[in-house]
C-alpha atoms as a PDB file:
ATOM      1  CA  UNK A   1      11.949 -34.813  -9.120  1.00  0.00           C
ATOM      2  CA  UNK A   2       8.302 -35.342  -8.177  1.00  0.00           C
ATOM      3  CA  UNK A   3       8.733 -34.370  -4.497  1.00  0.00           C
ATOM      4  CA  UNK A   4      10.353 -31.095  -5.609  1.00  0.00           C
ATOM      5  CA  UNK A   5       7.405 -30.304  -7.908  1.00  0.00           C
ATOM      6  CA  UNK A   6       4.891 -31.162  -5.172  1.00  0.00           C
ATOM      7  CA  UNK A   7       6.745 -28.965  -2.675  1.00  0.00           C
ATOM      8  CA  UNK A   8       6.806 -26.086  -5.159  1.00  0.00           C
ATOM      9  CA  UNK A   9       3.066 -26.389  -5.789  1.00  0.00           C
ATOM     10  CA  UNK A  10       2.298 -26.445  -2.050  1.00  0.00           C
ATOM     11  CA  UNK A  11       4.507 -23.369  -1.513  1.00  0.00           C
ATOM     12  CA  UNK A  12       2.761 -21.469  -4.337  1.00  0.00           C
ATOM     13  CA  UNK A  13      -0.691 -22.357  -3.002  1.00  0.00           C
ATOM     14  CA  UNK A  14       0.291 -21.220   0.490  1.00  0.00           C
ATOM     15  CA  UNK A  15       1.557 -17.916  -0.919  1.00  0.00           C
ATOM     16  CA  UNK A  16      -1.694 -17.384  -2.841  1.00  0.00           C
ATOM     17  CA  UNK A  17      -3.737 -18.184   0.288  1.00  0.00           C
ATOM     18  CA  UNK A  18      -1.719 -15.717   2.381  1.00  0.00           C
ATOM     19  CA  UNK A  19      -2.118 -13.013  -0.249  1.00  0.00           C
ATOM     20  CA  UNK A  20      -5.867 -13.551  -0.445  1.00  0.00           C
ATOM     21  CA  UNK A  21      -6.197 -13.403   3.348  1.00  0.00           C
ATOM     22  CA  UNK A  22      -4.303 -10.122   3.538  1.00  0.00           C
ATOM     23  CA  UNK A  23      -7.129  -8.161   1.931  1.00  0.00           C
ATOM     24  CA  UNK A  24      -7.192  -6.003  -1.139  1.00  0.00           C
ATOM     25  CA  UNK A  25      -6.481  -2.325  -1.457  1.00  0.00           C
ATOM     26  CA  UNK A  26      -9.190  -0.564  -3.441  1.00  0.00           C
ATOM     27  CA  UNK A  27      -7.578   1.894  -5.859  1.00  0.00           C
ATOM     28  CA  UNK A  28      -9.378   4.706  -7.696  1.00  0.00           C
ATOM     29  CA  UNK A  29      -7.286   6.633 -10.262  1.00  0.00           C
ATOM     30  CA  UNK A  30      -8.361   9.971 -11.723  1.00  0.00           C
ATOM     31  CA  UNK A  31      -6.656  11.721 -14.655  1.00  0.00           C
ATOM     32  CA  UNK A  32      -7.118  15.482 -14.901  1.00  0.00           C
ATOM     33  CA  UNK A  33      -6.997  17.537 -18.113  1.00  0.00           C
ATOM     34  CA  UNK A  34      -3.239  18.188 -17.660  1.00  0.00           C
ATOM     35  CA  UNK A  35      -2.508  14.456 -17.831  1.00  0.00           C
ATOM     36  CA  UNK A  36      -1.618  14.265 -14.138  1.00  0.00           C
ATOM     37  CA  UNK A  37      -2.831  11.186 -12.335  1.00  0.00           C
ATOM     38  CA  UNK A  38      -4.361  11.362  -8.868  1.00  0.00           C
ATOM     39  CA  UNK A  39      -4.749   8.095  -6.969  1.00  0.00           C
ATOM     40  CA  UNK A  40      -7.090   7.571  -4.052  1.00  0.00           C
ATOM     41  CA  UNK A  41      -7.067   4.274  -2.194  1.00  0.00           C
ATOM     42  CA  UNK A  42      -8.574   2.499   0.772  1.00  0.00           C
ATOM     43  CA  UNK A  43      -6.933  -0.383   2.590  1.00  0.00           C
ATOM     44  CA  UNK A  44      -9.696  -1.005   5.138  1.00  0.00           C
ATOM     45  CA  UNK A  45      -9.158  -4.777   5.295  1.00  0.00           C
ATOM     46  CA  UNK A  46      -5.546  -4.306   6.394  1.00  0.00           C
ATOM     47  CA  UNK A  47      -6.560  -3.008   9.845  1.00  0.00           C
ATOM     48  CA  UNK A  48      -6.572  -6.165  11.957  1.00  0.00           C
ATOM     49  CA  UNK A  49      -7.008  -7.076  15.596  1.00  0.00           C
ATOM     50  CA  UNK A  50      -3.275  -7.731  15.659  1.00  0.00           C
ATOM     51  CA  UNK A  51      -2.601  -4.176  14.427  1.00  0.00           C
ATOM     52  CA  UNK A  52      -4.902  -2.776  17.094  1.00  0.00           C
ATOM     53  CA  UNK A  53      -3.218  -4.790  19.858  1.00  0.00           C
ATOM     54  CA  UNK A  54       0.265  -3.681  18.818  1.00  0.00           C
ATOM     55  CA  UNK A  55      -0.899  -0.064  18.873  1.00  0.00           C
ATOM     56  CA  UNK A  56      -2.660  -0.419  22.243  1.00  0.00           C
ATOM     57  CA  UNK A  57       0.578  -1.640  23.844  1.00  0.00           C
ATOM     58  CA  UNK A  58       2.183   1.693  22.931  1.00  0.00           C
ATOM     59  CA  UNK A  59       4.246   0.364  20.061  1.00  0.00           C
ATOM     60  CA  UNK A  60       4.289   2.517  16.892  1.00  0.00           C
ATOM     61  CA  UNK A  61       2.522   1.133  13.814  1.00  0.00           C
ATOM     62  CA  UNK A  62       3.580   2.103  10.277  1.00  0.00           C
ATOM     63  CA  UNK A  63       1.686   1.525   7.049  1.00  0.00           C
ATOM     64  CA  UNK A  64       4.169   2.046   4.205  1.00  0.00           C
ATOM     65  CA  UNK A  65       2.541   2.382   0.755  1.00  0.00           C
ATOM     66  CA  UNK A  66       4.298   2.302  -2.619  1.00  0.00           C
ATOM     67  CA  UNK A  67       2.118   3.855  -5.327  1.00  0.00           C
ATOM     68  CA  UNK A  68       3.058   3.425  -8.996  1.00  0.00           C
ATOM     69  CA  UNK A  69       1.648   4.528 -12.328  1.00  0.00           C
ATOM     70  CA  UNK A  70       2.546   1.895 -14.902  1.00  0.00           C
ATOM     71  CA  UNK A  71       1.962   1.109 -18.545  1.00  0.00           C
ATOM     72  CA  UNK A  72       1.626  -2.569 -19.509  1.00  0.00           C
ATOM     73  CA  UNK A  73       4.296  -3.880 -21.896  1.00  0.00           C
ATOM     74  CA  UNK A  74       5.103  -7.185 -23.552  1.00  0.00           C
ATOM     75  CA  UNK A  75       7.906  -8.216 -21.164  1.00  0.00           C
ATOM     76  CA  UNK A  76       8.232  -5.695 -18.318  1.00  0.00           C
ATOM     77  CA  UNK A  77       5.689  -3.050 -17.492  1.00  0.00           C
ATOM     78  CA  UNK A  78       7.058   0.484 -17.642  1.00  0.00           C
ATOM     79  CA  UNK A  79       6.912   2.577 -14.471  1.00  0.00           C
ATOM     80  CA  UNK A  80       6.003   6.172 -15.355  1.00  0.00           C
ATOM     81  CA  UNK A  81       5.642   7.598 -11.856  1.00  0.00           C
ATOM     82  CA  UNK A  82       6.078   6.385  -8.321  1.00  0.00           C
ATOM     83  CA  UNK A  83       5.799   7.742  -4.824  1.00  0.00           C
ATOM     84  CA  UNK A  84       6.015   6.447  -1.285  1.00  0.00           C
ATOM     85  CA  UNK A  85       3.475   7.499   1.330  1.00  0.00           C
ATOM     86  CA  UNK A  86       3.842   6.437   4.919  1.00  0.00           C
ATOM     87  CA  UNK A  87       1.272   6.705   7.706  1.00  0.00           C
ATOM     88  CA  UNK A  88       2.346   6.212  11.307  1.00  0.00           C
ATOM     89  CA  UNK A  89       0.473   6.048  14.593  1.00  0.00           C
ATOM     90  CA  UNK A  90       1.531   5.685  18.202  1.00  0.00           C
ATOM     91  CA  UNK A  91      -0.689   5.404  21.269  1.00  0.00           C
ATOM     92  CA  UNK A  92       0.411   7.235  24.408  1.00  0.00           C
ATOM     93  CA  UNK A  93      -0.697   4.935  27.212  1.00  0.00           C
ATOM     94  CA  UNK A  94      -0.451   7.748  29.802  1.00  0.00           C
ATOM     95  CA  UNK A  95      -2.632  10.344  28.059  1.00  0.00           C
ATOM     96  CA  UNK A  96      -4.826   7.929  26.088  1.00  0.00           C
ATOM     97  CA  UNK A  97      -4.189   9.892  22.875  1.00  0.00           C
ATOM     98  CA  UNK A  98      -2.703   8.898  19.555  1.00  0.00           C
ATOM     99  CA  UNK A  99       0.021  10.736  17.689  1.00  0.00           C
ATOM    100  CA  UNK A 100      -0.348  10.268  13.939  1.00  0.00           C
ATOM    101  CA  UNK A 101       1.830  11.435  11.073  1.00  0.00           C
ATOM    102  CA  UNK A 102       2.122  11.143   7.307  1.00  0.00           C
ATOM    103  CA  UNK A 103       5.182  11.309   5.111  1.00  0.00           C
ATOM    104  CA  UNK A 104       5.590  11.465   1.370  1.00  0.00           C
ATOM    105  CA  UNK A 105       8.878  10.400  -0.186  1.00  0.00           C
ATOM    106  CA  UNK A 106      10.587  10.753   3.198  1.00  0.00           C
ATOM    107  CA  UNK A 107       9.299  14.271   3.973  1.00  0.00           C
ATOM    108  CA  UNK A 108       6.854  14.957   6.775  1.00  0.00           C
ATOM    109  CA  UNK A 109       3.492  16.114   5.398  1.00  0.00           C
ATOM    110  CA  UNK A 110       1.387  16.275   8.535  1.00  0.00           C
ATOM    111  CA  UNK A 111       1.455  15.341  12.203  1.00  0.00           C
ATOM    112  CA  UNK A 112      -1.309  15.683  14.766  1.00  0.00           C
ATOM    113  CA  UNK A 113      -3.014  14.183  17.820  1.00  0.00           C
ATOM    114  CA  UNK A 114      -6.128  12.014  17.677  1.00  0.00           C
ATOM    115  CA  UNK A 115      -8.344  10.701  20.447  1.00  0.00           C
ATOM    116  CA  UNK A 116     -10.606   8.182  18.691  1.00  0.00           C
ATOM    117  CA  UNK A 117      -9.336   4.825  17.453  1.00  0.00           C
ATOM    118  CA  UNK A 118     -11.616   4.948  14.384  1.00  0.00           C
ATOM    119  CA  UNK A 119      -9.929   8.175  13.276  1.00  0.00           C
ATOM    120  CA  UNK A 120      -6.524   6.495  13.624  1.00  0.00           C
ATOM    121  CA  UNK A 121      -7.683   3.491  11.592  1.00  0.00           C
ATOM    122  CA  UNK A 122      -8.853   5.858   8.845  1.00  0.00           C
ATOM    123  CA  UNK A 123      -5.577   7.818   9.046  1.00  0.00           C
ATOM    124  CA  UNK A 124      -3.612   4.624   8.391  1.00  0.00           C
ATOM    125  CA  UNK A 125      -5.834   3.143   5.680  1.00  0.00           C
ATOM    126  CA  UNK A 126      -7.511   5.933   3.640  1.00  0.00           C
ATOM    127  CA  UNK A 127      -5.638   8.179   1.204  1.00  0.00           C
ATOM    128  CA  UNK A 128      -7.187  10.754  -1.094  1.00  0.00           C
ATOM    129  CA  UNK A 129      -5.678  12.355  -4.210  1.00  0.00           C
ATOM    130  CA  UNK A 130      -2.060  11.215  -4.113  1.00  0.00           C
ATOM    131  CA  UNK A 131      -0.505  12.932  -7.129  1.00  0.00           C
ATOM    132  CA  UNK A 132       1.602  10.877  -9.516  1.00  0.00           C
ATOM    133  CA  UNK A 133       3.677  12.934 -11.927  1.00  0.00           C
ATOM    134  CA  UNK A 134       4.571  10.877 -15.033  1.00  0.00           C
ATOM    135  CA  UNK A 135       8.122  11.142 -16.363  1.00  0.00           C
ATOM    136  CA  UNK A 136       6.650  11.493 -19.862  1.00  0.00           C
ATOM    137  CA  UNK A 137       3.229  12.640 -21.139  1.00  0.00           C
ATOM    138  CA  UNK A 138       0.473  10.035 -21.195  1.00  0.00           C
ATOM    139  CA  UNK A 139      -0.456   8.756 -24.641  1.00  0.00           C
ATOM    140  CA  UNK A 140      -4.077   9.027 -25.751  1.00  0.00           C
ATOM    141  CA  UNK A 141      -6.106   5.802 -25.904  1.00  0.00           C
ATOM    142  CA  UNK A 142      -3.442   3.830 -24.062  1.00  0.00           C
ATOM    143  CA  UNK A 143      -3.845   1.398 -21.163  1.00  0.00           C
ATOM    144  CA  UNK A 144      -2.322   2.318 -17.811  1.00  0.00           C
ATOM    145  CA  UNK A 145      -2.731   1.121 -14.261  1.00  0.00           C
ATOM    146  CA  UNK A 146      -2.116   2.355 -10.745  1.00  0.00           C
ATOM    147  CA  UNK A 147      -0.680  -0.198  -8.370  1.00  0.00           C
ATOM    148  CA  UNK A 148      -0.482   0.213  -4.589  1.00  0.00           C
ATOM    149  CA  UNK A 149       1.571  -2.104  -2.383  1.00  0.00           C
ATOM    150  CA  UNK A 150       1.479  -2.004   1.425  1.00  0.00           C
ATOM    151  CA  UNK A 151       4.118  -3.052   3.919  1.00  0.00           C
ATOM    152  CA  UNK A 152       3.056  -2.948   7.590  1.00  0.00           C
ATOM    153  CA  UNK A 153       5.522  -2.487  10.458  1.00  0.00           C
ATOM    154  CA  UNK A 154       6.210  -3.998  12.865  1.00  0.00           C
ATOM    155  CA  UNK A 155       6.022  -7.216  10.896  1.00  0.00           C
ATOM    156  CA  UNK A 156       3.540  -9.406  12.812  1.00  0.00           C
ATOM    157  CA  UNK A 157       4.889 -12.709  11.525  1.00  0.00           C
ATOM    158  CA  UNK A 158       7.907 -14.109   9.759  1.00  0.00           C
ATOM    159  CA  UNK A 159       7.567 -14.391   5.990  1.00  0.00           C
ATOM    160  CA  UNK A 160      10.264 -16.246   4.082  1.00  0.00           C
ATOM    161  CA  UNK A 161       9.453 -14.242   0.931  1.00  0.00           C
ATOM    162  CA  UNK A 162      10.569 -11.071   2.747  1.00  0.00           C
ATOM    163  CA  UNK A 163      14.212 -12.010   2.162  1.00  0.00           C
ATOM    164  CA  UNK A 164      13.775 -11.612  -1.606  1.00  0.00           C
ATOM    165  CA  UNK A 165      14.495  -8.258  -3.284  1.00  0.00           C
ATOM    166  CA  UNK A 166      11.450  -6.039  -2.841  1.00  0.00           C
ATOM    167  CA  UNK A 167      10.228  -8.211   0.011  1.00  0.00           C
ATOM    168  CA  UNK A 168       6.691  -9.400   0.308  1.00  0.00           C
ATOM    169  CA  UNK A 169       3.885  -6.894   0.651  1.00  0.00           C
ATOM    170  CA  UNK A 170       1.149  -7.333   3.220  1.00  0.00           C
ATOM    171  CA  UNK A 171      -1.532  -6.206   0.783  1.00  0.00           C
ATOM    172  CA  UNK A 172      -1.856  -4.739  -2.678  1.00  0.00           C
ATOM    173  CA  UNK A 173      -4.342  -3.385  -5.147  1.00  0.00           C
ATOM    174  CA  UNK A 174      -4.391  -2.380  -8.777  1.00  0.00           C
ATOM    175  CA  UNK A 175      -6.824  -0.635 -11.089  1.00  0.00           C
ATOM    176  CA  UNK A 176      -6.451  -0.240 -14.852  1.00  0.00           C
ATOM    177  CA  UNK A 177      -7.698   2.672 -16.943  1.00  0.00           C
ATOM    178  CA  UNK A 178      -7.458   3.982 -20.494  1.00  0.00           C
ATOM    179  CA  UNK A 179      -6.248   7.527 -20.942  1.00  0.00           C
ATOM    180  CA  UNK A 180      -8.807   9.150 -23.209  1.00  0.00           C
ATOM    181  CA  UNK A 181      -8.025  12.622 -24.460  1.00  0.00           C
END
């Protein structure tokens, strides 16, 4: 029994260490007078040398974000709104230019060419005013939070947690707020 407990503790510590190394996503929610929530976020720490190398070899890189508006509850937090935003980049080794695109809930939002790597890094990691439309009106003086989870593709390393439902995100961030009306 003791070796099983020790193995479990080591596995949990390794998971915590990997999560801490992945970097945090900084989330900034804003609620307008209509009760709509806009989420801006920056995932600057998720751009790594490994990401850059994959891109430089001409392989496409995808940053897949899941953004949720949630209300804390006793057992399971209630999801009031969710959206998926995806940023992709590919380097054309012949022309030396990048093709970048963004999708929201599977629909193409924008696609363009970029020449500077810093612009591509920002394209993949900075999002401004992503609208979250709650399924029900927000309640005054109630706690809510916006959570952002990131999955990067191609997956740079094998993660045993990825076989579980929902997988294992590469990075995440969360910010709480009280809806004051």
